[in-house]
């Protein structure tokens, strides 16, 4: 029997997504927010970015279900696997570098022949089937056949899902779908879904016989590492937002609503915190937790739990150092809201301060909180890559795009240049951040009253 081993970050990630799902359900029940959501989903770019984000989130969730497998001795293995690892299967580890879709290693190896000569040659990869290595023609035919097979499976599944959706939606016809004459941007949704299915089937088919993005210095599959980095990016963005929002919302609304000495104290706190370079605070926190981990190894049962503790510390310190900007914005908006007639009427009727803030102030700040949180999400993903590059990011054993970029700087200095690890990390990060930014732009246009009503 497998033994489930949920890390702390697993619980926190599922907690964040549960809270997000609850907030979405509550907002859809509100007439004001439901209209804004529908307005946002009428934009093609918003619908397309939503499909891509759902793909990333699905991988992150599958990679957050951890367990240990039983060994022959009746115990459980020290290595922690995830459900995502079992879904895609473990890739073969090569000796060293290999280029994308290559059949042989990138570097030559030496071999001593029976007559005493040293011969240098490119060794065949362990991941490549024997019939492909037999001749170059088989290699080309195998790549073309895999592409056609993936395209057919993707097209079949896409058409099946599309037909089911059309049957279940009586107001949808093929003519309306082709013209794009639908209440929401469903055409963009299905086109993006088709492209994603094609890429998934192609990657799955190619990964069976080849390393899609090659291998790194120690022979690990780069495409596998790029996929594993999705979970780290999701954790950095979501957990940091979870730690940041309580500080920003509570202190921002209190400063704007009460004013006076409360406002002065809160302004002093976030002004002082903003004056301290964030990199110094992050470096101090990371070094402190690393010293604690080294001095208390018995507290952590595996390497995964050690890396997990460092990741949580990084998210916590990023949240502590990044709430000040949102706090300033909420304070300024609350200063305007508290002077409005419905707030003054509530005070005159004897409503308490807590009830006014929770029932009247915070609901009118939701659009600012939502827009800022989504915009900061992409900034935090990029911040992780920068911090890891300077040595104060996630643990080196953690799969992350920052670690891949950090190792790529040495690979660019060698001859010949190894470019595919950087390209893989950059591509996955670029698509993720671009989707988040496009979604945030549509969110701002739909929820910001000034944009929505042309103010």
Protein backbone atom coordinates (compact mmCIF):
# COMPACT_ATOMS: atom_id res chain seq x y z
CA UNK A 1 0.00 0.00 0.00
CA UNK A 2 1.24 3.44 -0.83
CA UNK A 3 1.63 5.90 2.02
CA UNK A 4 0.31 9.40 1.34
CA UNK A 5 2.72 12.08 2.52
CA UNK A 6 1.14 15.51 2.27
CA UNK A 7 3.61 18.36 2.66
CA UNK A 8 2.71 21.63 4.34
CA UNK A 9 2.67 23.40 1.00
CA UNK A 10 0.21 20.79 -0.30
CA UNK A 11 -2.28 21.68 2.42
CA UNK A 12 -1.76 25.40 1.88
CA UNK A 13 -2.19 25.15 -1.89
CA UNK A 14 -5.44 23.22 -1.58
CA UNK A 15 -6.57 25.71 1.08
CA UNK A 16 -5.93 28.64 -1.27
CA UNK A 17 -7.80 26.98 -4.12
CA UNK A 18 -10.70 26.09 -1.82
CA UNK A 19 -10.96 29.69 -0.63
CA UNK A 20 -10.80 30.86 -4.23
CA UNK A 21 -13.59 28.48 -5.22
CA UNK A 22 -15.75 29.70 -2.31
CA UNK A 23 -15.16 33.34 -3.28
CA UNK A 24 -16.10 32.58 -6.88
CA UNK A 25 -19.32 30.87 -5.82
CA UNK A 26 -20.25 33.78 -3.57
CA UNK A 27 -19.45 36.33 -6.28
CA UNK A 28 -21.56 34.49 -8.87
CA UNK A 29 -24.51 34.68 -6.49
CA UNK A 30 -24.13 38.44 -6.35
CA UNK A 31 -25.83 40.20 -9.27
CA UNK A 32 -23.18 42.93 -9.46
CA UNK A 33 -20.20 40.56 -9.60
CA UNK A 34 -21.92 38.00 -11.83
CA UNK A 35 -22.44 40.70 -14.46
CA UNK A 36 -18.75 41.62 -14.23
CA UNK A 37 -17.67 38.00 -14.61
CA UNK A 38 -19.87 37.55 -17.68
CA UNK A 39 -18.52 40.75 -19.16
CA UNK A 40 -14.98 39.51 -18.67
CA UNK A 41 -15.71 36.14 -20.29
CA UNK A 42 -17.01 37.84 -23.43
CA UNK A 43 -13.42 38.81 -24.28
CA UNK A 44 -11.57 36.24 -26.42
CA UNK A 45 -8.17 36.85 -24.81
CA UNK A 46 -9.62 36.38 -21.33
CA UNK A 47 -11.23 33.08 -22.28
CA UNK A 48 -8.07 31.81 -23.98
CA UNK A 49 -5.87 32.75 -21.02
CA UNK A 50 -8.34 31.04 -18.68
CA UNK A 51 -7.88 27.74 -20.56
CA UNK A 52 -4.09 28.00 -20.30
CA UNK A 53 -4.26 28.85 -16.59
CA UNK A 54 -6.54 25.87 -15.93
CA UNK A 55 -3.94 23.65 -17.60
CA UNK A 56 -1.19 25.00 -15.34
CA UNK A 57 -3.36 24.71 -12.23
CA UNK A 58 -4.27 21.11 -13.05
CA UNK A 59 -0.61 20.13 -13.29
CA UNK A 60 0.14 21.96 -10.05
CA UNK A 61 -2.64 20.09 -8.23
CA UNK A 62 -1.57 16.70 -9.57
CA UNK A 63 1.98 17.49 -8.45
CA UNK A 64 0.75 18.35 -4.93
CA UNK A 65 -0.54 14.87 -4.07
CA UNK A 66 2.56 13.20 -2.61
CA UNK A 67 3.10 9.64 -1.45
CA UNK A 68 5.77 7.02 -0.81
CA UNK A 69 5.83 3.61 -2.44
CA UNK A 70 6.52 0.37 -0.52
CA UNK A 71 9.91 -1.26 -0.87
CA UNK A 72 10.87 -4.94 -1.03
CA UNK A 73 11.77 -4.91 2.69
CA UNK A 74 8.23 -3.94 3.66
CA UNK A 75 9.04 -0.32 4.43
CA UNK A 76 8.26 2.80 2.43
CA UNK A 77 10.80 4.52 0.22
CA UNK A 78 12.58 7.67 1.37
CA UNK A 79 11.91 9.35 -1.96
CA UNK A 80 8.59 11.19 -2.16
CA UNK A 81 6.65 10.87 -5.42
CA UNK A 82 3.67 12.86 -6.65
CA UNK A 83 0.58 11.75 -8.51
CA UNK A 84 1.82 13.75 -11.48
CA UNK A 85 4.98 11.62 -11.59
CA UNK A 86 2.92 8.46 -11.90
CA UNK A 87 0.60 9.94 -14.53
CA UNK A 88 3.36 10.90 -16.96
CA UNK A 89 5.83 8.22 -15.86
CA UNK A 90 9.46 8.65 -14.94
CA UNK A 91 11.75 9.53 -17.82
CA UNK A 92 15.03 7.74 -18.44
CA UNK A 93 18.08 9.50 -17.01
CA UNK A 94 20.95 9.90 -19.45
CA UNK A 95 24.61 10.44 -18.63
CA UNK A 96 24.82 14.12 -19.56
CA UNK A 97 23.57 16.67 -22.10
CA UNK A 98 21.47 15.73 -25.12
CA UNK A 99 19.78 18.12 -27.53
CA UNK A 100 15.98 18.27 -28.00
CA UNK A 101 14.62 15.24 -29.91
CA UNK A 102 18.19 13.92 -30.35
CA UNK A 103 19.12 10.26 -30.66
CA UNK A 104 22.71 10.65 -29.42
CA UNK A 105 24.44 12.52 -26.61
CA UNK A 106 25.56 16.12 -27.11
CA UNK A 107 29.17 15.47 -26.02
CA UNK A 108 31.59 12.90 -27.33
CA UNK A 109 32.83 10.11 -25.08
CA UNK A 110 36.08 8.18 -25.29
CA UNK A 111 36.46 4.42 -25.70
CA UNK A 112 39.57 2.26 -25.84
CA UNK A 113 39.54 -0.08 -28.82
CA UNK A 114 41.06 -3.63 -28.71
CA UNK A 115 44.09 -2.43 -30.71
CA UNK A 116 44.89 0.24 -28.07
CA UNK A 117 43.52 3.29 -29.87
CA UNK A 118 41.24 5.86 -28.16
CA UNK A 119 38.13 6.59 -30.21
CA UNK A 120 35.79 9.50 -29.51
CA UNK A 121 32.17 9.19 -30.59
CA UNK A 122 28.62 10.27 -29.72
CA UNK A 123 26.99 7.60 -27.59
CA UNK A 124 23.38 6.57 -28.22
CA UNK A 125 20.80 7.64 -25.66
CA UNK A 126 19.14 5.05 -23.44
CA UNK A 127 15.69 6.57 -24.01
CA UNK A 128 15.68 5.98 -27.79
CA UNK A 129 14.14 2.72 -29.12
CA UNK A 130 16.39 0.37 -31.03
CA UNK A 131 14.51 0.57 -34.34
CA UNK A 132 14.96 4.36 -34.38
CA UNK A 133 18.72 4.04 -33.85
CA UNK A 134 19.00 1.50 -36.65
CA UNK A 135 18.73 4.09 -39.41
CA UNK A 136 18.17 7.80 -39.85
CA UNK A 137 15.10 7.13 -41.99
CA UNK A 138 13.35 5.42 -39.10
CA UNK A 139 14.00 8.50 -36.98
CA UNK A 140 12.30 10.85 -39.43
CA UNK A 141 9.40 8.47 -40.02
CA UNK A 142 8.94 7.96 -36.28
CA UNK A 143 8.77 11.71 -35.62
CA UNK A 144 6.28 12.27 -38.47
CA UNK A 145 4.15 9.29 -37.41
CA UNK A 146 4.09 10.46 -33.78
CA UNK A 147 3.02 13.95 -34.88
CA UNK A 148 0.20 12.61 -37.07
CA UNK A 149 -0.97 10.19 -34.39
CA UNK A 150 -1.05 12.95 -31.75
CA UNK A 151 -2.92 15.26 -34.13
CA UNK A 152 -5.57 12.61 -34.84
CA UNK A 153 -6.12 11.81 -31.16
CA UNK A 154 -6.29 15.50 -30.26
CA UNK A 155 -8.74 16.21 -33.08
CA UNK A 156 -10.91 13.22 -32.13
CA UNK A 157 -11.10 14.21 -28.46
CA UNK A 158 -11.66 17.88 -29.32
CA UNK A 159 -14.54 17.07 -31.70
CA UNK A 160 -16.10 14.70 -29.17
CA UNK A 161 -16.03 17.32 -26.40
CA UNK A 162 -17.32 19.99 -28.78
CA UNK A 163 -20.24 17.86 -29.94
CA UNK A 164 -21.17 16.99 -26.34
CA UNK A 165 -21.10 20.68 -25.44
CA UNK A 166 -23.29 21.61 -28.44
CA UNK A 167 -25.81 18.90 -27.54
CA UNK A 168 -25.98 20.06 -23.93
CA UNK A 169 -26.36 23.74 -24.92
CA UNK A 170 -29.68 24.18 -26.76
CA UNK A 171 -29.00 27.83 -27.62
CA UNK A 172 -25.77 26.94 -29.44
CA UNK A 173 -25.67 26.02 -33.11
CA UNK A 174 -22.78 25.26 -35.44
CA UNK A 175 -23.51 28.42 -37.44
CA UNK A 176 -23.43 30.61 -34.32
CA UNK A 177 -20.23 28.92 -33.17
CA UNK A 178 -18.45 29.53 -36.48
CA UNK A 179 -19.57 33.16 -36.57
CA UNK A 180 -18.72 33.71 -32.92
CA UNK A 181 -22.29 34.93 -32.32
CA UNK A 182 -22.52 33.66 -28.74
CA UNK A 183 -23.02 35.45 -25.40
CA UNK A 184 -19.53 34.40 -24.23
CA UNK A 185 -16.28 33.94 -26.13
CA UNK A 186 -16.80 30.20 -26.52
CA UNK A 187 -15.11 30.10 -29.91
CA UNK A 188 -11.84 31.32 -28.41
CA UNK A 189 -12.26 28.82 -25.60
CA UNK A 190 -12.58 25.85 -27.94
CA UNK A 191 -9.83 26.98 -30.30
CA UNK A 192 -7.41 27.37 -27.39
CA UNK A 193 -8.51 24.04 -25.96
CA UNK A 194 -7.83 22.36 -29.29
CA UNK A 195 -4.34 23.83 -29.45
CA UNK A 196 -3.64 22.74 -25.87
CA UNK A 197 -4.88 19.20 -26.57
CA UNK A 198 -2.66 18.99 -29.64
CA UNK A 199 0.38 20.11 -27.64
CA UNK A 200 -0.43 17.67 -24.81
CA UNK A 201 -0.80 14.68 -27.13
CA UNK A 202 2.33 15.65 -29.07
CA UNK A 203 4.37 16.04 -25.88
CA UNK A 204 3.06 12.74 -24.55
CA UNK A 205 3.80 10.90 -27.78
CA UNK A 206 7.26 12.38 -28.24
CA UNK A 207 8.20 11.80 -24.59
CA UNK A 208 7.70 8.09 -25.08
CA UNK A 209 10.69 7.83 -27.42
CA UNK A 210 12.59 11.10 -27.12
CA UNK A 211 13.59 13.87 -24.73
CA UNK A 212 11.38 16.68 -26.04
CA UNK A 213 13.56 19.48 -24.65
CA UNK A 214 16.74 17.46 -24.26
CA UNK A 215 18.56 16.71 -21.02
CA UNK A 216 20.67 18.80 -18.66
CA UNK A 217 24.18 18.30 -17.29
CA UNK A 218 23.25 15.37 -15.04
CA UNK A 219 21.05 13.76 -17.68
CA UNK A 220 17.61 14.76 -16.34
CA UNK A 221 14.83 15.46 -18.81
CA UNK A 222 14.41 19.24 -19.23
CA UNK A 223 10.76 18.99 -20.28
CA UNK A 224 9.98 17.06 -17.08
CA UNK A 225 11.73 19.72 -14.97
CA UNK A 226 9.77 22.49 -16.72
CA UNK A 227 6.50 20.76 -15.89
CA UNK A 228 7.58 20.20 -12.28
CA UNK A 229 8.40 23.90 -11.99
CA UNK A 230 4.73 24.78 -12.44
CA UNK A 231 3.90 23.74 -8.86
CA UNK A 232 6.62 25.98 -7.45
CA UNK A 233 5.36 28.95 -9.49
CA UNK A 234 1.80 28.37 -8.28
CA UNK A 235 2.95 28.14 -4.67
CA UNK A 236 5.03 31.30 -4.89
CA UNK A 237 2.13 33.27 -6.34
CA UNK A 238 -0.74 31.85 -4.29
CA UNK A 239 0.86 31.44 -0.85
CA UNK A 240 2.49 34.86 -0.99
CA UNK A 241 -0.90 36.37 -1.84
CA UNK A 242 -2.46 34.42 1.04
CA UNK A 243 0.11 35.85 3.48
CA UNK A 244 -0.10 39.36 2.00
CA UNK A 245 -3.85 40.01 1.83
CA UNK A 246 -4.68 39.95 5.57
CA UNK A 247 -2.02 42.59 6.33
CA UNK A 248 -3.00 44.81 3.41
CA UNK A 249 -6.78 44.62 3.82
CA UNK A 250 -6.88 44.92 7.61
CA UNK A 251 -4.32 47.70 7.99
CA UNK A 252 -5.36 49.58 4.85
CA UNK A 253 -9.04 49.78 5.79
CA UNK A 254 -8.26 50.64 9.43
CA UNK A 255 -5.91 53.45 8.43
CA UNK A 256 -8.39 54.97 6.00
CA UNK A 257 -11.49 54.52 8.16
CA UNK A 258 -10.27 55.57 11.60
CA UNK A 259 -7.61 58.11 10.62
CA UNK A 260 -5.85 60.02 13.40
CA UNK A 261 -3.32 58.12 15.50
CA UNK A 262 -4.29 54.78 13.94
CA UNK A 263 -3.53 56.13 10.48
CA UNK A 264 -0.22 57.61 11.67
CA UNK A 265 0.94 54.35 13.25
CA UNK A 266 0.03 52.23 10.21
CA UNK A 267 1.67 54.71 7.84
CA UNK A 268 4.82 54.61 9.97
CA UNK A 269 4.84 50.79 9.84
CA UNK A 270 4.56 50.41 6.07
CA UNK A 271 6.79 53.40 5.34
CA UNK A 272 9.52 51.92 7.53
CA UNK A 273 9.10 48.48 6.00
CA UNK A 274 9.22 49.94 2.48
CA UNK A 275 12.48 51.71 3.30
CA UNK A 276 14.27 48.41 4.00
CA UNK A 277 15.56 46.66 0.85
CA UNK A 278 13.42 43.59 0.36
CA UNK A 279 16.34 41.47 -0.82
CA UNK A 280 18.06 41.93 2.55
CA UNK A 281 15.00 40.76 4.49
CA UNK A 282 14.55 37.80 2.17
CA UNK A 283 18.22 36.84 2.41
CA UNK A 284 18.16 37.08 6.22
CA UNK A 285 15.02 34.92 6.44
CA UNK A 286 16.32 32.28 4.03
CA UNK A 287 19.69 32.07 5.79
CA UNK A 288 17.97 31.80 9.19
CA UNK A 289 15.73 28.93 8.11
CA UNK A 290 18.68 27.21 6.44
CA UNK A 291 20.68 27.38 9.68
CA UNK A 292 17.69 25.98 11.59
CA UNK A 293 17.34 23.12 9.09
CA UNK A 294 21.04 22.27 9.35
CA UNK A 295 20.97 22.33 13.16
CA UNK A 296 17.73 20.33 13.53
CA UNK A 297 17.82 17.60 10.87
CA UNK A 298 15.60 15.34 12.98
CA UNK A 299 12.68 17.73 12.47
CA UNK A 300 12.55 17.01 8.74
CA UNK A 301 11.85 13.45 7.64
CA UNK A 302 12.95 13.86 4.02
CA UNK A 303 14.69 16.18 1.58
CA UNK A 304 11.26 17.18 0.29
CA UNK A 305 10.21 18.46 3.73
CA UNK A 306 13.46 20.45 4.04
CA UNK A 307 12.89 22.10 0.68
CA UNK A 308 9.24 22.61 1.64
CA UNK A 309 10.20 24.57 4.78
CA UNK A 310 12.47 26.87 2.78
CA UNK A 311 9.75 27.44 0.19
CA UNK A 312 7.19 28.39 2.85
CA UNK A 313 9.70 30.79 4.43
CA UNK A 314 10.30 32.43 1.06
CA UNK A 315 6.54 32.85 0.48
CA UNK A 316 6.06 34.25 3.98
CA UNK A 317 8.82 36.84 3.71
CA UNK A 318 7.66 37.82 0.20
CA UNK A 319 4.18 38.35 1.61
CA UNK A 320 5.47 40.43 4.51
CA UNK A 321 7.49 42.67 2.18
CA UNK A 322 4.90 43.07 -0.61
CA UNK A 323 1.71 44.12 1.20
CA UNK A 324 2.65 47.78 1.55
CA UNK A 325 1.64 48.92 -1.96
CA UNK A 326 -1.83 47.39 -1.71
CA UNK A 327 -2.20 48.82 1.78
CA UNK A 328 -1.55 52.35 0.45
CA UNK A 329 -4.14 51.93 -2.30
CA UNK A 330 -6.79 50.56 0.07
CA UNK A 331 -6.12 53.34 2.57
CA UNK A 332 -6.63 56.02 -0.09
CA UNK A 333 -9.82 54.39 -1.35
CA UNK A 334 -11.20 53.98 2.18
CA UNK A 335 -10.58 57.66 2.87
CA UNK A 336 -12.97 58.45 0.01
CA UNK A 337 -15.54 55.81 0.92
CA UNK A 338 -15.90 56.84 4.55
CA UNK A 339 -17.17 60.28 3.49
CA UNK A 340 -19.96 58.92 1.28
CA UNK A 341 -23.58 59.30 2.30
CA UNK A 342 -24.38 55.63 2.90
CA UNK A 343 -21.42 55.32 5.31
CA UNK A 344 -22.52 58.44 7.22
CA UNK A 345 -26.08 57.10 7.33
CA UNK A 346 -24.85 53.82 8.81
CA UNK A 347 -22.98 55.72 11.52
CA UNK A 348 -26.05 57.81 12.27
CA UNK A 349 -28.17 54.66 12.63
CA UNK A 350 -25.74 53.32 15.23
CA UNK A 351 -23.93 50.67 13.26
CA UNK A 352 -20.63 49.59 14.80
CA UNK A 353 -17.27 50.25 13.22
CA UNK A 354 -16.62 46.59 12.55
CA UNK A 355 -19.98 46.12 10.83
CA UNK A 356 -19.47 49.21 8.66
CA UNK A 357 -16.01 48.10 7.59
CA UNK A 358 -17.06 44.52 6.84
CA UNK A 359 -20.48 45.24 5.27
CA UNK A 360 -19.84 48.51 3.42
CA UNK A 361 -16.15 49.32 3.09
CA UNK A 362 -14.65 45.93 2.15
CA UNK A 363 -17.29 45.02 -0.51
CA UNK A 364 -16.48 48.28 -2.31
CA UNK A 365 -12.77 47.41 -2.22
CA UNK A 366 -13.12 43.90 -3.66
CA UNK A 367 -12.39 44.98 -7.23
CA UNK A 368 -9.13 46.64 -6.14
CA UNK A 369 -8.09 43.62 -4.05
CA UNK A 370 -8.91 41.18 -6.85
CA UNK A 371 -7.16 43.14 -9.59
CA UNK A 372 -4.05 43.81 -7.50
CA UNK A 373 -3.78 40.19 -6.35
CA UNK A 374 -3.88 38.85 -9.92
CA UNK A 375 -1.42 41.48 -11.16
CA UNK A 376 1.00 40.73 -8.31
CA UNK A 377 0.79 37.01 -9.07
CA UNK A 378 2.88 37.33 -12.23
CA UNK A 379 5.35 39.68 -10.52
CA UNK A 380 5.93 37.11 -7.78
CA UNK A 381 6.66 34.36 -10.32
CA UNK A 382 9.31 36.56 -11.91
CA UNK A 383 10.62 37.52 -8.45
CA UNK A 384 11.25 33.85 -7.62
CA UNK A 385 13.43 33.47 -10.70
CA UNK A 386 15.44 36.59 -9.82
CA UNK A 387 15.87 35.62 -6.16
CA UNK A 388 16.95 32.09 -7.04
CA UNK A 389 19.43 33.53 -9.53
CA UNK A 390 21.08 35.59 -6.76
CA UNK A 391 21.09 32.62 -4.37
CA UNK A 392 18.29 33.50 -1.92
CA UNK A 393 15.40 31.72 -3.60
CA UNK A 394 14.05 28.20 -3.31
CA UNK A 395 16.13 25.19 -2.31
CA UNK A 396 18.49 23.91 -5.04
CA UNK A 397 16.74 20.52 -4.90
CA UNK A 398 13.37 22.09 -5.69
CA UNK A 399 12.16 21.97 -9.27
CA UNK A 400 11.73 25.60 -10.32
CA UNK A 401 12.24 27.75 -13.36
CA UNK A 402 14.53 29.97 -11.28
CA UNK A 403 16.89 27.07 -10.58
CA UNK A 404 16.91 26.18 -14.28
CA UNK A 405 17.77 29.76 -15.26
CA UNK A 406 20.43 29.90 -12.56
CA UNK A 407 22.17 26.78 -13.90
CA UNK A 408 21.81 28.01 -17.50
CA UNK A 409 24.25 30.89 -16.96
CA UNK A 410 27.12 28.39 -16.74
CA UNK A 411 25.84 26.43 -19.72
CA UNK A 412 25.96 29.54 -21.88
CA UNK A 413 29.65 29.93 -21.07
CA UNK A 414 30.61 26.51 -22.41
CA UNK A 415 31.43 25.48 -25.97
CA UNK A 416 29.26 24.34 -27.63
CA UNK A 417 26.46 26.30 -25.97
CA UNK A 418 23.68 24.39 -24.22
CA UNK A 419 20.64 26.58 -24.87
CA UNK A 420 17.61 24.30 -24.37
CA UNK A 421 17.29 24.41 -20.52
CA UNK A 422 17.03 28.19 -20.62
CA UNK A 423 14.63 28.05 -23.57
CA UNK A 424 12.40 25.54 -21.77
CA UNK A 425 12.23 27.51 -18.52
CA UNK A 426 11.74 30.79 -20.38
CA UNK A 427 8.95 29.38 -22.58
CA UNK A 428 6.94 27.91 -19.70
CA UNK A 429 7.39 31.05 -17.60
CA UNK A 430 6.56 33.34 -20.52
CA UNK A 431 3.31 31.52 -21.35
CA UNK A 432 2.25 31.43 -17.69
CA UNK A 433 3.02 35.09 -16.97
CA UNK A 434 1.48 36.23 -20.27
CA UNK A 435 -1.74 34.33 -19.52
CA UNK A 436 -1.92 35.81 -16.02
CA UNK A 437 -1.36 39.34 -17.35
CA UNK A 438 -3.99 38.98 -20.09
CA UNK A 439 -6.45 37.60 -17.54
CA UNK A 440 -5.63 40.46 -15.17
CA UNK A 441 -6.23 43.07 -17.90
CA UNK A 442 -9.65 41.60 -18.65
CA UNK A 443 -10.39 41.42 -14.92
CA UNK A 444 -9.50 45.08 -14.48
CA UNK A 445 -11.70 46.16 -17.39
CA UNK A 446 -14.65 44.17 -16.05
CA UNK A 447 -14.42 44.96 -12.34
CA UNK A 448 -12.98 48.48 -12.21
CA UNK A 449 -15.99 50.88 -12.09
CA UNK A 450 -14.03 53.67 -13.75
CA UNK A 451 -13.18 51.49 -16.74
CA UNK A 452 -16.58 49.81 -16.89
CA UNK A 453 -18.61 53.01 -16.87
CA UNK A 454 -16.09 55.13 -18.76
CA UNK A 455 -15.20 57.26 -15.73
